[in-house]
Amino acid sequence: MAQQLVVLVTTSSKDEAATIAEALVSDRLAACVNIIDSIESVYRWDGNVVRDAEALMVIKTTDERYGDLERRVKQLHSYSTPEVIAMKIERGSSEYLAWIGESVSK
């Protein structure tokens, strides 16, 4: 069975996050995407410390679908270097974890 992942992606707006989320779920690259609007990010970019309002996507997928998911995010994202960070789900409801796998199966 595939390893389930949580993938974090920040976007410039809730609208951009919604567009990417719909594409990922429609393409069976993600089982579910939660969008958290109105986060504040502080980071270093081009030698400067930057503070921006962003939206955060919390994406559930599998390691088998991660490569395609990352490519699709980069294709649709407005940033030249979008944040795409994946973490393994160590534990969870067996029914929910099975649903993730079923939802993203090719």
PDB file of N, CA and C in Angstrom:
ATOM      1  N   MET A   1       0.838  -1.184   0.000  1.00  0.00           N
ATOM      2  CA  MET A   1       0.000   0.000   0.000  1.00  0.00           C
ATOM      3  C   MET A   1       0.883   1.248   0.000  1.00  0.00           C
ATOM      4  N   ALA A   2       0.463   2.279  -0.687  1.00  0.00           N
ATOM      5  CA  ALA A   2       1.222   3.524  -0.797  1.00  0.00           C
ATOM      6  C   ALA A   2       1.241   4.271   0.531  1.00  0.00           C
ATOM      7  N   GLN A   3       2.303   5.022   0.734  1.00  0.00           N
ATOM      8  CA  GLN A   3       2.427   5.882   1.905  1.00  0.00           C
ATOM      9  C   GLN A   3       1.593   7.144   1.670  1.00  0.00           C
ATOM     10  N   GLN A   4       0.758   7.504   2.635  1.00  0.00           N
ATOM     11  CA  GLN A   4      -0.024   8.722   2.531  1.00  0.00           C
ATOM     12  C   GLN A   4       0.812   9.913   2.981  1.00  0.00           C
ATOM     13  N   LEU A   5       0.574  11.055   2.325  1.00  0.00           N
ATOM     14  CA  LEU A   5       1.326  12.281   2.597  1.00  0.00           C
ATOM     15  C   LEU A   5       0.399  13.453   2.863  1.00  0.00           C
ATOM     16  N   VAL A   6       0.913  14.408   3.624  1.00  0.00           N
ATOM     17  CA  VAL A   6       0.326  15.742   3.718  1.00  0.00           C
ATOM     18  C   VAL A   6       1.313  16.667   3.029  1.00  0.00           C
ATOM     19  N   VAL A   7       0.821  17.449   2.082  1.00  0.00           N
ATOM     20  CA  VAL A   7       1.669  18.364   1.328  1.00  0.00           C
ATOM     21  C   VAL A   7       1.214  19.790   1.632  1.00  0.00           C
ATOM     22  N   LEU A   8       2.153  20.653   1.973  1.00  0.00           N
ATOM     23  CA  LEU A   8       1.860  22.057   2.246  1.00  0.00           C
ATOM     24  C   LEU A   8       2.302  22.908   1.062  1.00  0.00           C
ATOM     25  N   VAL A   9       1.411  23.787   0.628  1.00  0.00           N
ATOM     26  CA  VAL A   9       1.709  24.714  -0.464  1.00  0.00           C
ATOM     27  C   VAL A   9       1.117  26.062  -0.091  1.00  0.00           C
ATOM     28  N   THR A  10       1.922  27.118  -0.142  1.00  0.00           N
ATOM     29  CA  THR A  10       1.393  28.463   0.052  1.00  0.00           C
ATOM     30  C   THR A  10       1.136  29.095  -1.311  1.00  0.00           C
ATOM     31  N   THR A  11       0.137  29.978  -1.353  1.00  0.00           N
ATOM     32  CA  THR A  11      -0.220  30.669  -2.590  1.00  0.00           C
ATOM     33  C   THR A  11      -0.407  32.158  -2.296  1.00  0.00           C
ATOM     34  N   SER A  12      -0.481  32.930  -3.356  1.00  0.00           N
ATOM     35  CA  SER A  12      -0.620  34.378  -3.201  1.00  0.00           C
ATOM     36  C   SER A  12      -2.012  34.803  -2.748  1.00  0.00           C
ATOM     37  N   SER A  13      -3.006  33.913  -2.920  1.00  0.00           N
ATOM     38  CA  SER A  13      -4.378  34.279  -2.554  1.00  0.00           C
ATOM     39  C   SER A  13      -5.231  33.026  -2.389  1.00  0.00           C
ATOM     40  N   LYS A  14      -6.394  33.220  -1.778  1.00  0.00           N
ATOM     41  CA  LYS A  14      -7.356  32.133  -1.634  1.00  0.00           C
ATOM     42  C   LYS A  14      -7.861  31.691  -3.006  1.00  0.00           C
ATOM     43  N   ASP A  15      -8.037  32.633  -3.917  1.00  0.00           N
ATOM     44  CA  ASP A  15      -8.508  32.293  -5.259  1.00  0.00           C
ATOM     45  C   ASP A  15      -7.512  31.403  -5.991  1.00  0.00           C
ATOM     46  N   GLU A  16      -6.222  31.737  -5.893  1.00  0.00           N
ATOM     47  CA  GLU A  16      -5.207  30.900  -6.535  1.00  0.00           C
ATOM     48  C   GLU A  16      -5.196  29.509  -5.906  1.00  0.00           C
ATOM     49  N   ALA A  17      -5.302  29.441  -4.588  1.00  0.00           N
ATOM     50  CA  ALA A  17      -5.341  28.148  -3.898  1.00  0.00           C
ATOM     51  C   ALA A  17      -6.538  27.322  -4.368  1.00  0.00           C
ATOM     52  N   ALA A  18      -7.698  27.956  -4.518  1.00  0.00           N
ATOM     53  CA  ALA A  18      -8.900  27.249  -4.946  1.00  0.00           C
ATOM     54  C   ALA A  18      -8.745  26.698  -6.363  1.00  0.00           C
ATOM     55  N   THR A  19      -8.141  27.471  -7.245  1.00  0.00           N
ATOM     56  CA  THR A  19      -7.911  27.020  -8.622  1.00  0.00           C
ATOM     57  C   THR A  19      -7.003  25.801  -8.650  1.00  0.00           C
ATOM     58  N   ILE A  20      -5.907  25.867  -7.903  1.00  0.00           N
ATOM     59  CA  ILE A  20      -4.965  24.744  -7.845  1.00  0.00           C
ATOM     60  C   ILE A  20      -5.624  23.534  -7.188  1.00  0.00           C
ATOM     61  N   ALA A  21      -6.353  23.759  -6.096  1.00  0.00           N
ATOM     62  CA  ALA A  21      -7.006  22.663  -5.373  1.00  0.00           C
ATOM     63  C   ALA A  21      -7.987  21.921  -6.272  1.00  0.00           C
ATOM     64  N   GLU A  22      -8.799  22.658  -7.001  1.00  0.00           N
ATOM     65  CA  GLU A  22      -9.774  22.008  -7.886  1.00  0.00           C
ATOM     66  C   GLU A  22      -9.083  21.166  -8.953  1.00  0.00           C
ATOM     67  N   ALA A  23      -7.990  21.671  -9.504  1.00  0.00           N
ATOM     68  CA  ALA A  23      -7.248  20.914 -10.516  1.00  0.00           C
ATOM     69  C   ALA A  23      -6.659  19.644  -9.917  1.00  0.00           C
ATOM     70  N   LEU A  24      -6.085  19.739  -8.727  1.00  0.00           N
ATOM     71  CA  LEU A  24      -5.454  18.578  -8.097  1.00  0.00           C
ATOM     72  C   LEU A  24      -6.475  17.487  -7.787  1.00  0.00           C
ATOM     73  N   VAL A  25      -7.627  17.878  -7.258  1.00  0.00           N
ATOM     74  CA  VAL A  25      -8.654  16.880  -6.928  1.00  0.00           C
ATOM     75  C   VAL A  25      -9.270  16.324  -8.212  1.00  0.00           C
ATOM     76  N   SER A  26      -9.540  17.188  -9.190  1.00  0.00           N
ATOM     77  CA  SER A  26     -10.112  16.726 -10.465  1.00  0.00           C
ATOM     78  C   SER A  26      -9.196  15.739 -11.173  1.00  0.00           C
ATOM     79  N   ASP A  27      -7.890  15.990 -11.099  1.00  0.00           N
ATOM     80  CA  ASP A  27      -6.900  15.128 -11.751  1.00  0.00           C
ATOM     81  C   ASP A  27      -6.526  13.904 -10.908  1.00  0.00           C
ATOM     82  N   ARG A  28      -7.193  13.712  -9.773  1.00  0.00           N
ATOM     83  CA  ARG A  28      -6.936  12.593  -8.858  1.00  0.00           C
ATOM     84  C   ARG A  28      -5.499  12.597  -8.316  1.00  0.00           C
ATOM     85  N   LEU A  29      -4.928  13.781  -8.200  1.00  0.00           N
ATOM     86  CA  LEU A  29      -3.597  13.927  -7.608  1.00  0.00           C
ATOM     87  C   LEU A  29      -3.702  14.173  -6.106  1.00  0.00           C
ATOM     88  N   ALA A  30      -4.866  14.616  -5.662  1.00  0.00           N
ATOM     89  CA  ALA A  30      -5.123  14.870  -4.240  1.00  0.00           C
ATOM     90  C   ALA A  30      -6.492  14.324  -3.894  1.00  0.00           C
ATOM     91  N   ALA A  31      -6.593  13.746  -2.698  1.00  0.00           N
ATOM     92  CA  ALA A  31      -7.892  13.277  -2.209  1.00  0.00           C
ATOM     93  C   ALA A  31      -8.693  14.448  -1.659  1.00  0.00           C
ATOM     94  N   CYS A  32      -7.993  15.378  -1.038  1.00  0.00           N
ATOM     95  CA  CYS A  32      -8.638  16.488  -0.350  1.00  0.00           C
ATOM     96  C   CYS A  32      -7.636  17.628  -0.237  1.00  0.00           C
ATOM     97  N   VAL A  33      -8.124  18.850  -0.333  1.00  0.00           N
ATOM     98  CA  VAL A  33      -7.285  20.020  -0.113  1.00  0.00           C
ATOM     99  C   VAL A  33      -8.033  20.964   0.816  1.00  0.00           C
ATOM    100  N   ASN A  34      -7.434  21.270   1.954  1.00  0.00           N
ATOM    101  CA  ASN A  34      -7.969  22.288   2.852  1.00  0.00           C
ATOM    102  C   ASN A  34      -7.271  23.596   2.517  1.00  0.00           C
ATOM    103  N   ILE A  35      -8.027  24.680   2.486  1.00  0.00           N
ATOM    104  CA  ILE A  35      -7.456  25.993   2.198  1.00  0.00           C
ATOM    105  C   ILE A  35      -7.627  26.867   3.435  1.00  0.00           C
ATOM    106  N   ILE A  36      -6.507  27.327   3.942  1.00  0.00           N
ATOM    107  CA  ILE A  36      -6.511  28.229   5.095  1.00  0.00           C
ATOM    108  C   ILE A  36      -6.172  29.611   4.561  1.00  0.00           C
ATOM    109  N   ASP A  37      -7.136  30.497   4.613  1.00  0.00           N
ATOM    110  CA  ASP A  37      -6.966  31.843   4.078  1.00  0.00           C
ATOM    111  C   ASP A  37      -6.298  32.739   5.112  1.00  0.00           C
ATOM    112  N   SER A  38      -5.622  33.731   4.619  1.00  0.00           N
ATOM    113  CA  SER A  38      -5.133  34.816   5.459  1.00  0.00           C
ATOM    114  C   SER A  38      -4.083  34.390   6.483  1.00  0.00           C
ATOM    115  N   ILE A  39      -3.015  33.779   6.003  1.00  0.00           N
ATOM    116  CA  ILE A  39      -1.860  33.545   6.860  1.00  0.00           C
ATOM    117  C   ILE A  39      -0.835  34.620   6.536  1.00  0.00           C
ATOM    118  N   GLU A  40       0.087  34.835   7.430  1.00  0.00           N
ATOM    119  CA  GLU A  40       1.159  35.786   7.185  1.00  0.00           C
ATOM    120  C   GLU A  40       2.468  35.020   7.124  1.00  0.00           C
ATOM    121  N   SER A  41       3.227  35.244   6.060  1.00  0.00           N
ATOM    122  CA  SER A  41       4.508  34.569   5.883  1.00  0.00           C
ATOM    123  C   SER A  41       5.628  35.587   5.915  1.00  0.00           C
ATOM    124  N   VAL A  42       6.687  35.249   6.612  1.00  0.00           N
ATOM    125  CA  VAL A  42       7.890  36.065   6.668  1.00  0.00           C
ATOM    126  C   VAL A  42       9.024  35.184   6.174  1.00  0.00           C
ATOM    127  N   TYR A  43       9.736  35.654   5.154  1.00  0.00           N
ATOM    128  CA  TYR A  43      10.768  34.827   4.541  1.00  0.00           C
ATOM    129  C   TYR A  43      11.820  35.709   3.868  1.00  0.00           C
ATOM    130  N   ARG A  44      12.941  35.091   3.534  1.00  0.00           N
ATOM    131  CA  ARG A  44      14.008  35.802   2.832  1.00  0.00           C
ATOM    132  C   ARG A  44      13.892  35.493   1.352  1.00  0.00           C
ATOM    133  N   TRP A  45      13.879  36.542   0.516  1.00  0.00           N
ATOM    134  CA  TRP A  45      13.791  36.375  -0.934  1.00  0.00           C
ATOM    135  C   TRP A  45      14.614  37.463  -1.600  1.00  0.00           C
ATOM    136  N   ASP A  46      15.494  37.077  -2.509  1.00  0.00           N
ATOM    137  CA  ASP A  46      16.377  38.017  -3.213  1.00  0.00           C
ATOM    138  C   ASP A  46      17.144  38.924  -2.254  1.00  0.00           C
ATOM    139  N   GLY A  47      17.594  38.338  -1.132  1.00  0.00           N
ATOM    140  CA  GLY A  47      18.408  39.077  -0.174  1.00  0.00           C
ATOM    141  C   GLY A  47      17.628  39.976   0.767  1.00  0.00           C
ATOM    142  N   ASN A  48      16.326  39.982   0.678  1.00  0.00           N
ATOM    143  CA  ASN A  48      15.496  40.835   1.534  1.00  0.00           C
ATOM    144  C   ASN A  48      14.568  39.992   2.397  1.00  0.00           C
ATOM    145  N   VAL A  49      14.235  40.512   3.573  1.00  0.00           N
ATOM    146  CA  VAL A  49      13.215  39.883   4.403  1.00  0.00           C
ATOM    147  C   VAL A  49      11.874  40.437   3.938  1.00  0.00           C
ATOM    148  N   VAL A  50      10.973  39.519   3.597  1.00  0.00           N
ATOM    149  CA  VAL A  50       9.685  39.880   3.012  1.00  0.00           C
ATOM    150  C   VAL A  50       8.573  39.390   3.934  1.00  0.00           C
ATOM    151  N   ARG A  51       7.525  40.165   4.009  1.00  0.00           N
ATOM    152  CA  ARG A  51       6.321  39.780   4.763  1.00  0.00           C
ATOM    153  C   ARG A  51       5.146  39.871   3.792  1.00  0.00           C
ATOM    154  N   ASP A  52       4.423  38.743   3.641  1.00  0.00           N
ATOM    155  CA  ASP A  52       3.308  38.683   2.694  1.00  0.00           C
ATOM    156  C   ASP A  52       2.095  38.000   3.311  1.00  0.00           C
ATOM    157  N   ALA A  53       0.926  38.412   2.854  1.00  0.00           N
ATOM    158  CA  ALA A  53      -0.310  37.690   3.154  1.00  0.00           C
ATOM    159  C   ALA A  53      -0.422  36.577   2.116  1.00  0.00           C
ATOM    160  N   GLU A  54      -0.717  35.375   2.574  1.00  0.00           N
ATOM    161  CA  GLU A  54      -0.825  34.230   1.682  1.00  0.00           C
ATOM    162  C   GLU A  54      -1.980  33.342   2.137  1.00  0.00           C
ATOM    163  N   ALA A  55      -2.260  32.331   1.343  1.00  0.00           N
ATOM    164  CA  ALA A  55      -3.173  31.257   1.723  1.00  0.00           C
ATOM    165  C   ALA A  55      -2.349  29.972   1.793  1.00  0.00           C
ATOM    166  N   LEU A  56      -2.758  29.057   2.640  1.00  0.00           N
ATOM    167  CA  LEU A  56      -2.052  27.789   2.814  1.00  0.00           C
ATOM    168  C   LEU A  56      -2.955  26.644   2.386  1.00  0.00           C
ATOM    169  N   MET A  57      -2.425  25.788   1.531  1.00  0.00           N
ATOM    170  CA  MET A  57      -3.123  24.575   1.113  1.00  0.00           C
ATOM    171  C   MET A  57      -2.557  23.399   1.898  1.00  0.00           C
ATOM    172  N   VAL A  58      -3.434  22.599   2.470  1.00  0.00           N
ATOM    173  CA  VAL A  58      -3.064  21.367   3.161  1.00  0.00           C
ATOM    174  C   VAL A  58      -3.641  20.239   2.310  1.00  0.00           C
ATOM    175  N   ILE A  59      -2.761  19.527   1.625  1.00  0.00           N
ATOM    176  CA  ILE A  59      -3.154  18.570   0.587  1.00  0.00           C
ATOM    177  C   ILE A  59      -2.885  17.151   1.073  1.00  0.00           C
ATOM    178  N   LYS A  60      -3.864  16.253   0.864  1.00  0.00           N
ATOM    179  CA  LYS A  60      -3.673  14.848   1.197  1.00  0.00           C
ATOM    180  C   LYS A  60      -3.542  14.052  -0.088  1.00  0.00           C
ATOM    181  N   THR A  61      -2.451  13.255  -0.165  1.00  0.00           N
ATOM    182  CA  THR A  61      -2.157  12.454  -1.352  1.00  0.00           C
ATOM    183  C   THR A  61      -1.331  11.244  -0.938  1.00  0.00           C
ATOM    184  N   THR A  62      -0.729  10.578  -1.913  1.00  0.00           N
ATOM    185  CA  THR A  62       0.161   9.446  -1.633  1.00  0.00           C
ATOM    186  C   THR A  62       1.525   9.713  -2.268  1.00  0.00           C
ATOM    187  N   ASP A  63       2.520   8.956  -1.804  1.00  0.00           N
ATOM    188  CA  ASP A  63       3.856   9.111  -2.375  1.00  0.00           C
ATOM    189  C   ASP A  63       3.872   8.747  -3.860  1.00  0.00           C
ATOM    190  N   GLU A  64       3.015   7.824  -4.270  1.00  0.00           N
ATOM    191  CA  GLU A  64       2.946   7.450  -5.686  1.00  0.00           C
ATOM    192  C   GLU A  64       2.484   8.606  -6.572  1.00  0.00           C
ATOM    193  N   ARG A  65       1.656   9.493  -6.046  1.00  0.00           N
ATOM    194  CA  ARG A  65       1.102  10.599  -6.835  1.00  0.00           C
ATOM    195  C   ARG A  65       1.861  11.906  -6.618  1.00  0.00           C
ATOM    196  N   TYR A  66       2.813  11.912  -5.667  1.00  0.00           N
ATOM    197  CA  TYR A  66       3.491  13.155  -5.304  1.00  0.00           C
ATOM    198  C   TYR A  66       4.193  13.825  -6.490  1.00  0.00           C
ATOM    199  N   GLY A  67       4.950  13.089  -7.278  1.00  0.00           N
ATOM    200  CA  GLY A  67       5.695  13.687  -8.387  1.00  0.00           C
ATOM    201  C   GLY A  67       4.788  14.419  -9.360  1.00  0.00           C
ATOM    202  N   ASP A  68       3.669  13.778  -9.729  1.00  0.00           N
ATOM    203  CA  ASP A  68       2.712  14.418 -10.630  1.00  0.00           C
ATOM    204  C   ASP A  68       2.053  15.621  -9.965  1.00  0.00           C
ATOM    205  N   LEU A  69       1.757  15.497  -8.666  1.00  0.00           N
ATOM    206  CA  LEU A  69       1.168  16.611  -7.925  1.00  0.00           C
ATOM    207  C   LEU A  69       2.110  17.813  -7.920  1.00  0.00           C
ATOM    208  N   GLU A  70       3.380  17.572  -7.612  1.00  0.00           N
ATOM    209  CA  GLU A  70       4.345  18.677  -7.580  1.00  0.00           C
ATOM    210  C   GLU A  70       4.451  19.357  -8.951  1.00  0.00           C
ATOM    211  N   ARG A  71       4.521  18.566 -10.004  1.00  0.00           N
ATOM    212  CA  ARG A  71       4.592  19.146 -11.355  1.00  0.00           C
ATOM    213  C   ARG A  71       3.361  19.996 -11.666  1.00  0.00           C
ATOM    214  N   ARG A  72       2.187  19.508 -11.279  1.00  0.00           N
ATOM    215  CA  ARG A  72       0.946  20.240 -11.564  1.00  0.00           C
ATOM    216  C   ARG A  72       0.881  21.537 -10.764  1.00  0.00           C
ATOM    217  N   VAL A  73       1.293  21.490  -9.500  1.00  0.00           N
ATOM    218  CA  VAL A  73       1.328  22.712  -8.689  1.00  0.00           C
ATOM    219  C   VAL A  73       2.237  23.741  -9.356  1.00  0.00           C
ATOM    220  N   LYS A  74       3.425  23.336  -9.754  1.00  0.00           N
ATOM    221  CA  LYS A  74       4.373  24.261 -10.384  1.00  0.00           C
ATOM    222  C   LYS A  74       3.831  24.814 -11.694  1.00  0.00           C
ATOM    223  N   GLN A  75       3.084  24.008 -12.419  1.00  0.00           N
ATOM    224  CA  GLN A  75       2.488  24.434 -13.686  1.00  0.00           C
ATOM    225  C   GLN A  75       1.443  25.532 -13.469  1.00  0.00           C
ATOM    226  N   LEU A  76       0.669  25.415 -12.395  1.00  0.00           N
ATOM    227  CA  LEU A  76      -0.451  26.323 -12.148  1.00  0.00           C
ATOM    228  C   LEU A  76      -0.111  27.506 -11.244  1.00  0.00           C
ATOM    229  N   HIS A  77       1.000  27.435 -10.529  1.00  0.00           N
ATOM    230  CA  HIS A  77       1.334  28.403  -9.483  1.00  0.00           C
ATOM    231  C   HIS A  77       1.916  29.688 -10.063  1.00  0.00           C
ATOM    232  N   SER A  78       1.627  30.792  -9.413  1.00  0.00           N
ATOM    233  CA  SER A  78       2.135  32.092  -9.869  1.00  0.00           C
ATOM    234  C   SER A  78       3.566  32.367  -9.407  1.00  0.00           C
ATOM    235  N   TYR A  79       4.055  31.654  -8.402  1.00  0.00           N
ATOM    236  CA  TYR A  79       5.416  31.880  -7.903  1.00  0.00           C
ATOM    237  C   TYR A  79       6.428  31.131  -8.757  1.00  0.00           C
ATOM    238  N   SER A  80       7.606  31.710  -8.918  1.00  0.00           N
ATOM    239  CA  SER A  80       8.671  31.027  -9.649  1.00  0.00           C
ATOM    240  C   SER A  80       9.223  29.840  -8.858  1.00  0.00           C
ATOM    241  N   THR A  81       9.174  29.938  -7.531  1.00  0.00           N
ATOM    242  CA  THR A  81       9.642  28.858  -6.659  1.00  0.00           C
ATOM    243  C   THR A  81       8.605  28.621  -5.572  1.00  0.00           C
ATOM    244  N   PRO A  82       7.522  27.917  -5.898  1.00  0.00           N
ATOM    245  CA  PRO A  82       6.491  27.710  -4.882  1.00  0.00           C
ATOM    246  C   PRO A  82       6.948  26.751  -3.790  1.00  0.00           C
ATOM    247  N   GLU A  83       6.417  26.970  -2.609  1.00  0.00           N
ATOM    248  CA  GLU A  83       6.638  26.040  -1.501  1.00  0.00           C
ATOM    249  C   GLU A  83       5.814  24.785  -1.766  1.00  0.00           C
ATOM    250  N   VAL A  84       6.482  23.648  -1.845  1.00  0.00           N
ATOM    251  CA  VAL A  84       5.808  22.358  -1.964  1.00  0.00           C
ATOM    252  C   VAL A  84       6.573  21.423  -1.028  1.00  0.00           C
ATOM    253  N   ILE A  85       5.997  21.151   0.143  1.00  0.00           N
ATOM    254  CA  ILE A  85       6.666  20.367   1.173  1.00  0.00           C
ATOM    255  C   ILE A  85       5.776  19.188   1.543  1.00  0.00           C
ATOM    256  N   ALA A  86       6.327  17.981   1.469  1.00  0.00           N
ATOM    257  CA  ALA A  86       5.557  16.773   1.777  1.00  0.00           C
ATOM    258  C   ALA A  86       6.045  16.134   3.071  1.00  0.00           C
ATOM    259  N   MET A  87       5.082  15.671   3.858  1.00  0.00           N
ATOM    260  CA  MET A  87       5.382  14.966   5.107  1.00  0.00           C
ATOM    261  C   MET A  87       4.595  13.653   5.136  1.00  0.00           C
ATOM    262  N   LYS A  88       5.239  12.594   5.578  1.00  0.00           N
ATOM    263  CA  LYS A  88       4.557  11.305   5.699  1.00  0.00           C
ATOM    264  C   LYS A  88       3.548  11.366   6.840  1.00  0.00           C
ATOM    265  N   ILE A  89       2.411  10.727   6.624  1.00  0.00           N
ATOM    266  CA  ILE A  89       1.427  10.562   7.688  1.00  0.00           C
ATOM    267  C   ILE A  89       1.809   9.292   8.438  1.00  0.00           C
ATOM    268  N   GLU A  90       2.230   9.443   9.660  1.00  0.00           N
ATOM    269  CA  GLU A  90       2.687   8.294  10.454  1.00  0.00           C
ATOM    270  C   GLU A  90       1.522   7.465  10.976  1.00  0.00           C
ATOM    271  N   ARG A  91       0.437   8.131  11.369  1.00  0.00           N
ATOM    272  CA  ARG A  91      -0.729   7.435  11.910  1.00  0.00           C
ATOM    273  C   ARG A  91      -1.979   8.194  11.521  1.00  0.00           C
ATOM    274  N   GLY A  92      -3.085   7.464  11.501  1.00  0.00           N
ATOM    275  CA  GLY A  92      -4.370   8.078  11.205  1.00  0.00           C
ATOM    276  C   GLY A  92      -5.447   7.018  11.153  1.00  0.00           C
ATOM    277  N   SER A  93      -6.666   7.464  11.033  1.00  0.00           N
ATOM    278  CA  SER A  93      -7.797   6.563  10.918  1.00  0.00           C
ATOM    279  C   SER A  93      -7.594   5.665   9.701  1.00  0.00           C
ATOM    280  N   SER A  94      -7.673   4.369   9.900  1.00  0.00           N
ATOM    281  CA  SER A  94      -7.426   3.441   8.791  1.00  0.00           C
ATOM    282  C   SER A  94      -8.421   3.668   7.654  1.00  0.00           C
ATOM    283  N   GLU A  95      -9.656   4.004   7.989  1.00  0.00           N
ATOM    284  CA  GLU A  95     -10.657   4.272   6.948  1.00  0.00           C
ATOM    285  C   GLU A  95     -10.304   5.521   6.149  1.00  0.00           C
ATOM    286  N   TYR A  96      -9.852   6.555   6.845  1.00  0.00           N
ATOM    287  CA  TYR A  96      -9.496   7.807   6.152  1.00  0.00           C
ATOM    288  C   TYR A  96      -8.263   7.604   5.277  1.00  0.00           C
ATOM    289  N   LEU A  97      -7.275   6.915   5.800  1.00  0.00           N
ATOM    290  CA  LEU A  97      -6.061   6.671   5.025  1.00  0.00           C
ATOM    291  C   LEU A  97      -6.357   5.821   3.793  1.00  0.00           C
ATOM    292  N   ALA A  98      -7.247   4.845   3.933  1.00  0.00           N
ATOM    293  CA  ALA A  98      -7.646   4.036   2.773  1.00  0.00           C
ATOM    294  C   ALA A  98      -8.373   4.905   1.750  1.00  0.00           C
ATOM    295  N   TRP A  99      -9.218   5.814   2.226  1.00  0.00           N
ATOM    296  CA  TRP A  99      -9.947   6.726   1.334  1.00  0.00           C
ATOM    297  C   TRP A  99      -8.985   7.596   0.528  1.00  0.00           C
ATOM    298  N   ILE A 100      -7.910   8.071   1.160  1.00  0.00           N
ATOM    299  CA  ILE A 100      -6.911   8.853   0.417  1.00  0.00           C
ATOM    300  C   ILE A 100      -6.389   8.035  -0.751  1.00  0.00           C
ATOM    301  N   GLY A 101      -5.977   6.798  -0.469  1.00  0.00           N
ATOM    302  CA  GLY A 101      -5.438   5.933  -1.514  1.00  0.00           C
ATOM    303  C   GLY A 101      -6.438   5.686  -2.633  1.00  0.00           C
ATOM    304  N   GLU A 102      -7.680   5.407  -2.282  1.00  0.00           N
ATOM    305  CA  GLU A 102      -8.718   5.162  -3.279  1.00  0.00           C
ATOM    306  C   GLU A 102      -8.982   6.412  -4.121  1.00  0.00           C
ATOM    307  N   SER A 103      -8.947   7.562  -3.496  1.00  0.00           N
ATOM    308  CA  SER A 103      -9.290   8.819  -4.181  1.00  0.00           C
ATOM    309  C   SER A 103      -8.248   9.252  -5.196  1.00  0.00           C
ATOM    310  N   VAL A 104      -7.007   8.845  -4.995  1.00  0.00           N
ATOM    311  CA  VAL A 104      -5.947   9.272  -5.914  1.00  0.00           C
ATOM    312  C   VAL A 104      -5.442   8.139  -6.810  1.00  0.00           C
ATOM    313  N   SER A 105      -6.109   6.993  -6.735  1.00  0.00           N
ATOM    314  CA  SER A 105      -5.661   5.880  -7.577  1.00  0.00           C
ATOM    315  C   SER A 105      -5.856   6.230  -9.042  1.00  0.00           C
ATOM    316  N   LYS A 106      -4.904   5.793  -9.861  1.00  0.00           N
ATOM    317  CA  LYS A 106      -4.921   6.141 -11.293  1.00  0.00           C
ATOM    318  C   LYS A 106      -6.027   5.420 -12.018  1.00  0.00           C
TER     319      LYS A 106
END
